[in-house]
Amino acid sequence: MIIVYVTCKDKKEGREIAVSLLKKRMIACANIFPIQSIYRWKGKLVDEKEVVILAKSTKNKFQEMEKEVRKLHSYEVPCIEMFETKANKDYESWVKGELK
């Protein structure tokens, strides 16, 4: 199982991406949280509000998910990170079942 971490400019964009991934059965579930991000972009420090999507899926869906996120995302360089995780067997079974 994996969790894919994606930052977005706002809740609307995060929700649109999550819904698209869900409808295409690339993810089983998404959590969207407000965050405060500080980073350097084109030589300047940026401090702004964003949202983060934590999407639950499987490793074999990651490349397909990355393409879909890039297609829908407004950022020139979106953050799309994958973390391998372990969950309880019932939850992992549910995730795999939702991706079929």
PDB file of N, CA and C in Angstrom:
ATOM      1  N   MET A   1       0.847  -1.178   0.000  1.00  0.00           N
ATOM      2  CA  MET A   1       0.000   0.000   0.000  1.00  0.00           C
ATOM      3  C   MET A   1       0.890   1.238   0.000  1.00  0.00           C
ATOM      4  N   ILE A   2       0.383   2.327  -0.590  1.00  0.00           N
ATOM      5  CA  ILE A   2       1.114   3.597  -0.597  1.00  0.00           C
ATOM      6  C   ILE A   2       0.193   4.735  -0.166  1.00  0.00           C
ATOM      7  N   ILE A   3       0.831   5.806   0.281  1.00  0.00           N
ATOM      8  CA  ILE A   3       0.154   7.088   0.466  1.00  0.00           C
ATOM      9  C   ILE A   3       0.846   8.056  -0.469  1.00  0.00           C
ATOM     10  N   VAL A   4       0.056   8.763  -1.262  1.00  0.00           N
ATOM     11  CA  VAL A   4       0.596   9.768  -2.160  1.00  0.00           C
ATOM     12  C   VAL A   4       0.261  11.142  -1.583  1.00  0.00           C
ATOM     13  N   TYR A   5       1.305  11.945  -1.413  1.00  0.00           N
ATOM     14  CA  TYR A   5       1.230  13.279  -0.801  1.00  0.00           C
ATOM     15  C   TYR A   5       1.296  14.295  -1.931  1.00  0.00           C
ATOM     16  N   VAL A   6       0.251  15.118  -2.058  1.00  0.00           N
ATOM     17  CA  VAL A   6       0.187  16.124  -3.120  1.00  0.00           C
ATOM     18  C   VAL A   6      -0.227  17.452  -2.502  1.00  0.00           C
ATOM     19  N   THR A   7       0.572  18.500  -2.710  1.00  0.00           N
ATOM     20  CA  THR A   7       0.176  19.826  -2.251  1.00  0.00           C
ATOM     21  C   THR A   7      -0.560  20.548  -3.378  1.00  0.00           C
ATOM     22  N   CYS A   8      -1.559  21.361  -3.004  1.00  0.00           N
ATOM     23  CA  CYS A   8      -2.382  22.091  -3.973  1.00  0.00           C
ATOM     24  C   CYS A   8      -2.588  23.527  -3.505  1.00  0.00           C
ATOM     25  N   LYS A   9      -2.926  24.402  -4.456  1.00  0.00           N
ATOM     26  CA  LYS A   9      -3.077  25.826  -4.132  1.00  0.00           C
ATOM     27  C   LYS A   9      -4.253  26.119  -3.201  1.00  0.00           C
ATOM     28  N   ASP A  10      -5.314  25.303  -3.287  1.00  0.00           N
ATOM     29  CA  ASP A  10      -6.480  25.536  -2.433  1.00  0.00           C
ATOM     30  C   ASP A  10      -7.343  24.284  -2.354  1.00  0.00           C
ATOM     31  N   LYS A  11      -8.368  24.368  -1.529  1.00  0.00           N
ATOM     32  CA  LYS A  11      -9.255  23.227  -1.285  1.00  0.00           C
ATOM     33  C   LYS A  11      -9.984  22.798  -2.560  1.00  0.00           C
ATOM     34  N   LYS A  12     -10.366  23.764  -3.378  1.00  0.00           N
ATOM     35  CA  LYS A  12     -11.092  23.453  -4.617  1.00  0.00           C
ATOM     36  C   LYS A  12     -10.226  22.583  -5.530  1.00  0.00           C
ATOM     37  N   GLU A  13      -8.983  22.993  -5.737  1.00  0.00           N
ATOM     38  CA  GLU A  13      -8.101  22.216  -6.596  1.00  0.00           C
ATOM     39  C   GLU A  13      -7.830  20.832  -5.988  1.00  0.00           C
ATOM     40  N   GLY A  14      -7.581  20.772  -4.687  1.00  0.00           N
ATOM     41  CA  GLY A  14      -7.336  19.498  -4.022  1.00  0.00           C
ATOM     42  C   GLY A  14      -8.519  18.552  -4.169  1.00  0.00           C
ATOM     43  N   ARG A  15      -9.701  19.084  -4.016  1.00  0.00           N
ATOM     44  CA  ARG A  15     -10.906  18.257  -4.134  1.00  0.00           C
ATOM     45  C   ARG A  15     -11.093  17.771  -5.569  1.00  0.00           C
ATOM     46  N   GLU A  16     -10.873  18.647  -6.548  1.00  0.00           N
ATOM     47  CA  GLU A  16     -11.017  18.259  -7.956  1.00  0.00           C
ATOM     48  C   GLU A  16     -10.053  17.127  -8.316  1.00  0.00           C
ATOM     49  N   ILE A  17      -8.819  17.231  -7.849  1.00  0.00           N
ATOM     50  CA  ILE A  17      -7.827  16.185  -8.122  1.00  0.00           C
ATOM     51  C   ILE A  17      -8.231  14.886  -7.438  1.00  0.00           C
ATOM     52  N   ALA A  18      -8.599  14.970  -6.165  1.00  0.00           N
ATOM     53  CA  ALA A  18      -8.989  13.768  -5.412  1.00  0.00           C
ATOM     54  C   ALA A  18     -10.194  13.080  -6.046  1.00  0.00           C
ATOM     55  N   VAL A  19     -11.206  13.831  -6.428  1.00  0.00           N
ATOM     56  CA  VAL A  19     -12.411  13.250  -7.030  1.00  0.00           C
ATOM     57  C   VAL A  19     -12.070  12.569  -8.358  1.00  0.00           C
ATOM     58  N   SER A  20     -11.232  13.202  -9.162  1.00  0.00           N
ATOM     59  CA  SER A  20     -10.834  12.599 -10.432  1.00  0.00           C
ATOM     60  C   SER A  20     -10.108  11.267 -10.205  1.00  0.00           C
ATOM     61  N   LEU A  21      -9.180  11.247  -9.248  1.00  0.00           N
ATOM     62  CA  LEU A  21      -8.444  10.013  -8.951  1.00  0.00           C
ATOM     63  C   LEU A  21      -9.380   8.923  -8.427  1.00  0.00           C
ATOM     64  N   LEU A  22     -10.359   9.316  -7.613  1.00  0.00           N
ATOM     65  CA  LEU A  22     -11.340   8.356  -7.093  1.00  0.00           C
ATOM     66  C   LEU A  22     -12.213   7.796  -8.217  1.00  0.00           C
ATOM     67  N   LYS A  23     -12.721   8.678  -9.079  1.00  0.00           N
ATOM     68  CA  LYS A  23     -13.601   8.238 -10.162  1.00  0.00           C
ATOM     69  C   LYS A  23     -12.886   7.288 -11.112  1.00  0.00           C
ATOM     70  N   LYS A  24     -11.588   7.501 -11.307  1.00  0.00           N
ATOM     71  CA  LYS A  24     -10.803   6.646 -12.210  1.00  0.00           C
ATOM     72  C   LYS A  24     -10.206   5.436 -11.496  1.00  0.00           C
ATOM     73  N   ARG A  25     -10.591   5.253 -10.232  1.00  0.00           N
ATOM     74  CA  ARG A  25     -10.150   4.117  -9.404  1.00  0.00           C
ATOM     75  C   ARG A  25      -8.634   4.013  -9.284  1.00  0.00           C
ATOM     76  N   MET A  26      -7.986   5.172  -9.206  1.00  0.00           N
ATOM     77  CA  MET A  26      -6.543   5.207  -8.972  1.00  0.00           C
ATOM     78  C   MET A  26      -6.244   5.249  -7.486  1.00  0.00           C
ATOM     79  N   ILE A  27      -7.219   5.708  -6.704  1.00  0.00           N
ATOM     80  CA  ILE A  27      -7.094   5.764  -5.248  1.00  0.00           C
ATOM     81  C   ILE A  27      -8.375   5.236  -4.621  1.00  0.00           C
ATOM     82  N   ALA A  28      -8.255   4.806  -3.370  1.00  0.00           N
ATOM     83  CA  ALA A  28      -9.425   4.323  -2.640  1.00  0.00           C
ATOM     84  C   ALA A  28      -9.994   5.400  -1.724  1.00  0.00           C
ATOM     85  N   CYS A  29      -9.151   6.335  -1.319  1.00  0.00           N
ATOM     86  CA  CYS A  29      -9.543   7.323  -0.312  1.00  0.00           C
ATOM     87  C   CYS A  29      -8.588   8.512  -0.383  1.00  0.00           C
ATOM     88  N   ALA A  30      -9.094   9.688  -0.058  1.00  0.00           N
ATOM     89  CA  ALA A  30      -8.242  10.876   0.023  1.00  0.00           C
ATOM     90  C   ALA A  30      -8.635  11.703   1.233  1.00  0.00           C
ATOM     91  N   ASN A  31      -7.638  12.172   1.947  1.00  0.00           N
ATOM     92  CA  ASN A  31      -7.849  13.131   3.034  1.00  0.00           C
ATOM     93  C   ASN A  31      -7.240  14.448   2.566  1.00  0.00           C
ATOM     94  N   ILE A  32      -7.929  15.547   2.831  1.00  0.00           N
ATOM     95  CA  ILE A  32      -7.447  16.866   2.415  1.00  0.00           C
ATOM     96  C   ILE A  32      -7.339  17.731   3.661  1.00  0.00           C
ATOM     97  N   PHE A  33      -6.130  18.272   3.879  1.00  0.00           N
ATOM     98  CA  PHE A  33      -5.843  19.081   5.066  1.00  0.00           C
ATOM     99  C   PHE A  33      -5.321  20.456   4.674  1.00  0.00           C
ATOM    100  N   PRO A  34      -5.694  21.504   5.419  1.00  0.00           N
ATOM    101  CA  PRO A  34      -5.053  22.806   5.208  1.00  0.00           C
ATOM    102  C   PRO A  34      -3.642  22.782   5.811  1.00  0.00           C
ATOM    103  N   ILE A  35      -2.691  23.407   5.116  1.00  0.00           N
ATOM    104  CA  ILE A  35      -1.312  23.476   5.611  1.00  0.00           C
ATOM    105  C   ILE A  35      -0.746  24.873   5.353  1.00  0.00           C
ATOM    106  N   GLN A  36       0.336  25.184   6.020  1.00  0.00           N
ATOM    107  CA  GLN A  36       1.113  26.401   5.783  1.00  0.00           C
ATOM    108  C   GLN A  36       2.453  25.948   5.208  1.00  0.00           C
ATOM    109  N   SER A  37       2.799  26.423   4.033  1.00  0.00           N
ATOM    110  CA  SER A  37       4.034  26.010   3.365  1.00  0.00           C
ATOM    111  C   SER A  37       4.994  27.180   3.234  1.00  0.00           C
ATOM    112  N   ILE A  38       6.259  26.894   3.478  1.00  0.00           N
ATOM    113  CA  ILE A  38       7.325  27.884   3.310  1.00  0.00           C
ATOM    114  C   ILE A  38       8.384  27.234   2.429  1.00  0.00           C
ATOM    115  N   TYR A  39       8.704  27.887   1.320  1.00  0.00           N
ATOM    116  CA  TYR A  39       9.672  27.311   0.389  1.00  0.00           C
ATOM    117  C   TYR A  39      10.296  28.413  -0.468  1.00  0.00           C
ATOM    118  N   ARG A  40      11.362  28.049  -1.168  1.00  0.00           N
ATOM    119  CA  ARG A  40      12.004  28.981  -2.087  1.00  0.00           C
ATOM    120  C   ARG A  40      11.505  28.665  -3.491  1.00  0.00           C
ATOM    121  N   TRP A  41      11.042  29.693  -4.215  1.00  0.00           N
ATOM    122  CA  TRP A  41      10.572  29.514  -5.582  1.00  0.00           C
ATOM    123  C   TRP A  41      11.112  30.654  -6.437  1.00  0.00           C
ATOM    124  N   LYS A  42      11.898  30.295  -7.440  1.00  0.00           N
ATOM    125  CA  LYS A  42      12.493  31.257  -8.370  1.00  0.00           C
ATOM    126  C   LYS A  42      13.237  32.369  -7.638  1.00  0.00           C
ATOM    127  N   GLY A  43      14.015  31.950  -6.621  1.00  0.00           N
ATOM    128  CA  GLY A  43      14.880  32.882  -5.901  1.00  0.00           C
ATOM    129  C   GLY A  43      14.223  33.646  -4.767  1.00  0.00           C
ATOM    130  N   LYS A  44      12.949  33.449  -4.544  1.00  0.00           N
ATOM    131  CA  LYS A  44      12.249  34.172  -3.482  1.00  0.00           C
ATOM    132  C   LYS A  44      11.677  33.199  -2.458  1.00  0.00           C
ATOM    133  N   LEU A  45      11.625  33.640  -1.199  1.00  0.00           N
ATOM    134  CA  LEU A  45      10.966  32.840  -0.171  1.00  0.00           C
ATOM    135  C   LEU A  45       9.465  33.044  -0.279  1.00  0.00           C
ATOM    136  N   VAL A  46       8.737  31.957  -0.247  1.00  0.00           N
ATOM    137  CA  VAL A  46       7.281  31.990  -0.335  1.00  0.00           C
ATOM    138  C   VAL A  46       6.728  31.397   0.960  1.00  0.00           C
ATOM    139  N   ASP A  47       5.735  32.048   1.508  1.00  0.00           N
ATOM    140  CA  ASP A  47       5.063  31.595   2.726  1.00  0.00           C
ATOM    141  C   ASP A  47       3.567  31.718   2.452  1.00  0.00           C
ATOM    142  N   GLU A  48       2.909  30.567   2.230  1.00  0.00           N
ATOM    143  CA  GLU A  48       1.500  30.641   1.847  1.00  0.00           C
ATOM    144  C   GLU A  48       0.698  29.448   2.337  1.00  0.00           C
ATOM    145  N   LYS A  49      -0.614  29.629   2.317  1.00  0.00           N
ATOM    146  CA  LYS A  49      -1.523  28.552   2.679  1.00  0.00           C
ATOM    147  C   LYS A  49      -1.733  27.669   1.454  1.00  0.00           C
ATOM    148  N   GLU A  50      -1.766  26.368   1.700  1.00  0.00           N
ATOM    149  CA  GLU A  50      -2.058  25.382   0.672  1.00  0.00           C
ATOM    150  C   GLU A  50      -2.935  24.315   1.311  1.00  0.00           C
ATOM    151  N   VAL A  51      -3.262  23.292   0.542  1.00  0.00           N
ATOM    152  CA  VAL A  51      -3.863  22.093   1.108  1.00  0.00           C
ATOM    153  C   VAL A  51      -2.996  20.919   0.667  1.00  0.00           C
ATOM    154  N   VAL A  52      -3.045  19.851   1.444  1.00  0.00           N
ATOM    155  CA  VAL A  52      -2.337  18.631   1.076  1.00  0.00           C
ATOM    156  C   VAL A  52      -3.352  17.501   0.951  1.00  0.00           C
ATOM    157  N   ILE A  53      -3.170  16.701  -0.094  1.00  0.00           N
ATOM    158  CA  ILE A  53      -3.971  15.487  -0.276  1.00  0.00           C
ATOM    159  C   ILE A  53      -3.122  14.314   0.202  1.00  0.00           C
ATOM    160  N   LEU A  54      -3.692  13.468   1.034  1.00  0.00           N
ATOM    161  CA  LEU A  54      -3.089  12.181   1.372  1.00  0.00           C
ATOM    162  C   LEU A  54      -3.990  11.127   0.739  1.00  0.00           C
ATOM    163  N   ALA A  55      -3.504  10.524  -0.343  1.00  0.00           N
ATOM    164  CA  ALA A  55      -4.306   9.583  -1.117  1.00  0.00           C
ATOM    165  C   ALA A  55      -3.808   8.161  -0.900  1.00  0.00           C
ATOM    166  N   LYS A  56      -4.730   7.243  -0.627  1.00  0.00           N
ATOM    167  CA  LYS A  56      -4.372   5.847  -0.373  1.00  0.00           C
ATOM    168  C   LYS A  56      -4.544   5.026  -1.642  1.00  0.00           C
ATOM    169  N   SER A  57      -3.496   4.266  -1.982  1.00  0.00           N
ATOM    170  CA  SER A  57      -3.511   3.501  -3.213  1.00  0.00           C
ATOM    171  C   SER A  57      -2.523   2.344  -3.124  1.00  0.00           C
ATOM    172  N   THR A  58      -2.160   1.820  -4.294  1.00  0.00           N
ATOM    173  CA  THR A  58      -1.146   0.771  -4.369  1.00  0.00           C
ATOM    174  C   THR A  58      -0.045   1.232  -5.323  1.00  0.00           C
ATOM    175  N   LYS A  59       1.130   0.663  -5.147  1.00  0.00           N
ATOM    176  CA  LYS A  59       2.319   1.099  -5.885  1.00  0.00           C
ATOM    177  C   LYS A  59       2.135   1.020  -7.403  1.00  0.00           C
ATOM    178  N   ASN A  60       1.426   0.013  -7.879  1.00  0.00           N
ATOM    179  CA  ASN A  60       1.256  -0.136  -9.327  1.00  0.00           C
ATOM    180  C   ASN A  60       0.380   0.960  -9.945  1.00  0.00           C
ATOM    181  N   LYS A  61      -0.286   1.767  -9.133  1.00  0.00           N
ATOM    182  CA  LYS A  61      -1.120   2.874  -9.640  1.00  0.00           C
ATOM    183  C   LYS A  61      -0.376   4.211  -9.671  1.00  0.00           C
ATOM    184  N   PHE A  62       0.843   4.265  -9.107  1.00  0.00           N
ATOM    185  CA  PHE A  62       1.507   5.552  -8.911  1.00  0.00           C
ATOM    186  C   PHE A  62       1.796   6.300 -10.215  1.00  0.00           C
ATOM    187  N   GLN A  63       2.347   5.659 -11.214  1.00  0.00           N
ATOM    188  CA  GLN A  63       2.685   6.370 -12.459  1.00  0.00           C
ATOM    189  C   GLN A  63       1.440   6.943 -13.125  1.00  0.00           C
ATOM    190  N   GLU A  64       0.375   6.180 -13.135  1.00  0.00           N
ATOM    191  CA  GLU A  64      -0.889   6.637 -13.701  1.00  0.00           C
ATOM    192  C   GLU A  64      -1.430   7.837 -12.908  1.00  0.00           C
ATOM    193  N   MET A  65      -1.324   7.767 -11.578  1.00  0.00           N
ATOM    194  CA  MET A  65      -1.772   8.863 -10.717  1.00  0.00           C
ATOM    195  C   MET A  65      -0.954  10.118 -10.979  1.00  0.00           C
ATOM    196  N   GLU A  66       0.360   9.952 -11.088  1.00  0.00           N
ATOM    197  CA  GLU A  66       1.231  11.101 -11.317  1.00  0.00           C
ATOM    198  C   GLU A  66       0.837  11.833 -12.605  1.00  0.00           C
ATOM    199  N   LYS A  67       0.577  11.092 -13.666  1.00  0.00           N
ATOM    200  CA  LYS A  67       0.154  11.709 -14.934  1.00  0.00           C
ATOM    201  C   LYS A  67      -1.149  12.479 -14.768  1.00  0.00           C
ATOM    202  N   GLU A  68      -2.110  11.878 -14.060  1.00  0.00           N
ATOM    203  CA  GLU A  68      -3.409  12.527 -13.863  1.00  0.00           C
ATOM    204  C   GLU A  68      -3.267  13.795 -13.016  1.00  0.00           C
ATOM    205  N   VAL A  69      -2.482  13.728 -11.952  1.00  0.00           N
ATOM    206  CA  VAL A  69      -2.283  14.908 -11.107  1.00  0.00           C
ATOM    207  C   VAL A  69      -1.631  16.026 -11.921  1.00  0.00           C
ATOM    208  N   ARG A  70      -0.594  15.717 -12.681  1.00  0.00           N
ATOM    209  CA  ARG A  70       0.079  16.730 -13.510  1.00  0.00           C
ATOM    210  C   ARG A  70      -0.884  17.370 -14.505  1.00  0.00           C
ATOM    211  N   LYS A  71      -1.785  16.567 -15.059  1.00  0.00           N
ATOM    212  CA  LYS A  71      -2.763  17.071 -16.030  1.00  0.00           C
ATOM    213  C   LYS A  71      -3.714  18.093 -15.388  1.00  0.00           C
ATOM    214  N   LEU A  72      -4.099  17.857 -14.131  1.00  0.00           N
ATOM    215  CA  LEU A  72      -5.103  18.688 -13.459  1.00  0.00           C
ATOM    216  C   LEU A  72      -4.516  19.805 -12.605  1.00  0.00           C
ATOM    217  N   HIS A  73      -3.252  19.716 -12.262  1.00  0.00           N
ATOM    218  CA  HIS A  73      -2.627  20.611 -11.284  1.00  0.00           C
ATOM    219  C   HIS A  73      -2.266  21.962 -11.897  1.00  0.00           C
ATOM    220  N   SER A  74      -2.391  23.010 -11.101  1.00  0.00           N
ATOM    221  CA  SER A  74      -2.080  24.363 -11.574  1.00  0.00           C
ATOM    222  C   SER A  74      -0.602  24.735 -11.431  1.00  0.00           C
ATOM    223  N   TYR A  75       0.159  24.005 -10.621  1.00  0.00           N
ATOM    224  CA  TYR A  75       1.558  24.363 -10.382  1.00  0.00           C
ATOM    225  C   TYR A  75       2.449  23.926 -11.540  1.00  0.00           C
ATOM    226  N   GLU A  76       3.442  24.731 -11.809  1.00  0.00           N
ATOM    227  CA  GLU A  76       4.459  24.397 -12.805  1.00  0.00           C
ATOM    228  C   GLU A  76       5.227  23.134 -12.387  1.00  0.00           C
ATOM    229  N   VAL A  77       5.513  23.039 -11.080  1.00  0.00           N
ATOM    230  CA  VAL A  77       6.229  21.882 -10.527  1.00  0.00           C
ATOM    231  C   VAL A  77       5.446  21.377  -9.307  1.00  0.00           C
ATOM    232  N   PRO A  78       4.448  20.520  -9.528  1.00  0.00           N
ATOM    233  CA  PRO A  78       3.674  20.028  -8.388  1.00  0.00           C
ATOM    234  C   PRO A  78       4.481  19.048  -7.532  1.00  0.00           C
ATOM    235  N   CYS A  79       4.175  19.051  -6.244  1.00  0.00           N
ATOM    236  CA  CYS A  79       4.765  18.081  -5.311  1.00  0.00           C
ATOM    237  C   CYS A  79       3.883  16.838  -5.335  1.00  0.00           C
ATOM    238  N   ILE A  80       4.460  15.729  -5.806  1.00  0.00           N
ATOM    239  CA  ILE A  80       3.754  14.450  -5.857  1.00  0.00           C
ATOM    240  C   ILE A  80       4.720  13.417  -5.272  1.00  0.00           C
ATOM    241  N   GLU A  81       4.509  13.048  -4.021  1.00  0.00           N
ATOM    242  CA  GLU A  81       5.421  12.144  -3.333  1.00  0.00           C
ATOM    243  C   GLU A  81       4.702  10.854  -2.955  1.00  0.00           C
ATOM    244  N   MET A  82       5.444   9.746  -3.025  1.00  0.00           N
ATOM    245  CA  MET A  82       4.881   8.448  -2.680  1.00  0.00           C
ATOM    246  C   MET A  82       5.604   7.885  -1.455  1.00  0.00           C
ATOM    247  N   PHE A  83       4.817   7.413  -0.494  1.00  0.00           N
ATOM    248  CA  PHE A  83       5.354   6.760   0.695  1.00  0.00           C
ATOM    249  C   PHE A  83       4.772   5.361   0.776  1.00  0.00           C
ATOM    250  N   GLU A  84       5.629   4.363   0.886  1.00  0.00           N
ATOM    251  CA  GLU A  84       5.138   3.004   1.090  1.00  0.00           C
ATOM    252  C   GLU A  84       4.728   2.860   2.550  1.00  0.00           C
ATOM    253  N   THR A  85       3.567   2.255   2.773  1.00  0.00           N
ATOM    254  CA  THR A  85       3.032   2.121   4.122  1.00  0.00           C
ATOM    255  C   THR A  85       2.537   0.699   4.365  1.00  0.00           C
ATOM    256  N   LYS A  86       2.227   0.447   5.588  1.00  0.00           N
ATOM    257  CA  LYS A  86       1.618  -0.821   5.994  1.00  0.00           C
ATOM    258  C   LYS A  86       0.396  -0.466   6.837  1.00  0.00           C
ATOM    259  N   ALA A  87      -0.707  -1.132   6.560  1.00  0.00           N
ATOM    260  CA  ALA A  87      -1.936  -0.891   7.322  1.00  0.00           C
ATOM    261  C   ALA A  87      -2.481  -2.226   7.804  1.00  0.00           C
ATOM    262  N   ASN A  88      -3.528  -2.163   8.615  1.00  0.00           N
ATOM    263  CA  ASN A  88      -4.173  -3.397   9.039  1.00  0.00           C
ATOM    264  C   ASN A  88      -4.740  -4.120   7.818  1.00  0.00           C
ATOM    265  N   LYS A  89      -4.806  -5.440   7.892  1.00  0.00           N
ATOM    266  CA  LYS A  89      -5.180  -6.268   6.739  1.00  0.00           C
ATOM    267  C   LYS A  89      -6.552  -5.912   6.171  1.00  0.00           C
ATOM    268  N   ASP A  90      -7.518  -5.648   7.035  1.00  0.00           N
ATOM    269  CA  ASP A  90      -8.861  -5.308   6.556  1.00  0.00           C
ATOM    270  C   ASP A  90      -8.842  -4.040   5.720  1.00  0.00           C
ATOM    271  N   TYR A  91      -8.089  -3.039   6.181  1.00  0.00           N
ATOM    272  CA  TYR A  91      -8.024  -1.768   5.450  1.00  0.00           C
ATOM    273  C   TYR A  91      -7.302  -1.952   4.116  1.00  0.00           C
ATOM    274  N   GLU A  92      -6.182  -2.664   4.129  1.00  0.00           N
ATOM    275  CA  GLU A  92      -5.453  -2.912   2.881  1.00  0.00           C
ATOM    276  C   GLU A  92      -6.321  -3.670   1.880  1.00  0.00           C
ATOM    277  N   SER A  93      -7.098  -4.609   2.364  1.00  0.00           N
ATOM    278  CA  SER A  93      -8.019  -5.362   1.501  1.00  0.00           C
ATOM    279  C   SER A  93      -9.058  -4.433   0.888  1.00  0.00           C
ATOM    280  N   TRP A  94      -9.592  -3.559   1.704  1.00  0.00           N
ATOM    281  CA  TRP A  94     -10.583  -2.595   1.211  1.00  0.00           C
ATOM    282  C   TRP A  94      -9.974  -1.709   0.136  1.00  0.00           C
ATOM    283  N   VAL A  95      -8.753  -1.179   0.386  1.00  0.00           N
ATOM    284  CA  VAL A  95      -8.085  -0.311  -0.603  1.00  0.00           C
ATOM    285  C   VAL A  95      -7.928  -1.056  -1.923  1.00  0.00           C
ATOM    286  N   LYS A  96      -7.395  -2.251  -1.874  1.00  0.00           N
ATOM    287  CA  LYS A  96      -7.186  -3.035  -3.107  1.00  0.00           C
ATOM    288  C   LYS A  96      -8.511  -3.295  -3.823  1.00  0.00           C
ATOM    289  N   GLY A  97      -9.550  -3.578  -3.066  1.00  0.00           N
ATOM    290  CA  GLY A  97     -10.855  -3.820  -3.664  1.00  0.00           C
ATOM    291  C   GLY A  97     -11.434  -2.608  -4.363  1.00  0.00           C
ATOM    292  N   GLU A  98     -11.170  -1.433  -3.848  1.00  0.00           N
ATOM    293  CA  GLU A  98     -11.679  -0.187  -4.439  1.00  0.00           C
ATOM    294  C   GLU A  98     -10.958   0.186  -5.722  1.00  0.00           C
ATOM    295  N   LEU A  99      -9.790  -0.384  -5.960  1.00  0.00           N
ATOM    296  CA  LEU A  99      -9.000  -0.028  -7.138  1.00  0.00           C
ATOM    297  C   LEU A  99      -9.275  -0.926  -8.335  1.00  0.00           C
ATOM    298  N   LYS A 100     -10.157  -1.895  -8.176  1.00  0.00           N
ATOM    299  CA  LYS A 100     -10.481  -2.811  -9.280  1.00  0.00           C
ATOM    300  C   LYS A 100     -11.554  -2.251 -10.177  1.00  0.00           C
TER     301      LYS A 100
END
